């Protein structure tokens, strides 16, 4: 049984059929999925969800497909880590990492949204599946398309990190590098989708794609024993994840699966691409486009498609925004690895750096519970860290050389006052 009813404009509420549509023809507002919420409340319980397979489809009733899922059977259900050493470093009582850097198969939260978009694409009989990407989405679209046997096109800025280019190309899609930034790529893909009728995960399939992001929030609630944290810090790129986490929290509460106040949801961006944080600080209704200039390329989207909904969610939950420098991003990547052994890409470094800033500002009290969103894996962007890590010590093969090395290390440590 499907609980998915169709699409609706999030601005003027005009209804649309459940096709490859993404914008309202009356007011140009974005379309979103709608469900039979009364039936969900009647039919879904914690026990039913807990009895299912550990993947994102355990929340099947809240996702926009008609039949059975086509992919994503091993995606989602990533760790919610109680980060005790990081918490101690920051003086926090209760800090968690929602770690999608180990998501299957492409090591980012995008495996959630692509699982839903690809399943819906199959239902709509899409022949070519593609995306405009800053890296992680392309990796996921290519992987899921390969699993489904779909022809695939991944469009990227031509200066993308090599690890992310390889992560897409290895699955055999057509990878097209565009001489421009992400917003240029996205504009071209919109035209291609209209001209050829291809299904682009984050454009004409966006209404379905975005819903997969809710499962990130569902898993946080379930992982905390069916309760909300008091704060959540989330990176913002195109704006898919943050508002859908908020929507997911509201839907779970409406369905009777969790009680209590919604968490304050805070937005994290790099200073070199912070249209949402700028809009929050200036009291704007919509973000003003900017030209990205940051090492955090996976979130370097100067004109976020869902920027309005990010602003709406942050403000309605009592959250704020924080932007951080590239230097702070690097420091936070190292801090997270040093304290918790989690190697995140610059998007995760941005989120942790913003969290540190919000703690210092007193926005997040140290005795309140907090979830930090880690959305991608640092091994994809290892080049970013090469100049910031200690190079290996090089020794010969004898025990004597190693003992001399240890003695020298101890002597230097002692002279340094350690």
Foldseek 3Di string as FASTA:
>chain_A
DAFWDAKAFPPPGHTDHNALAFADPPPRGGIAIDGPLVVLLVPDEPVQLVVDQQWLCSVVRLADDDDDFDDGSQFDNADWAFQVQLLVVLLFDTETELAQCPTPPQRFLLLLLLSQLVRRCVVNVAQEEEAQALFSNLLNSLVVCLVVVHAYEYEYAQPHFPLSVCSNPVSPHHYHHDPDASVVRRVVVLVVCVVPVHHYSCHSSVNRSLLSLCSSLVSVCVVVVNEAFQEEEAEAALNSNQLSVVVSVVSCVSSVSHDDAHHQYEYFEAPQACQLQVCQVVVHQFGDFDQGDEQQSRRRHRHRNCSNSNSVRNVVRVHHYDHHYNVQLLVQQVSCCVRPVARADSSLSRQVSRVSVCCVVVVDDSHGHYYYYGTHHNVSVVVSCPVPDDDDDDFDDDPVRVVVVVVVVVVVVVVVVD
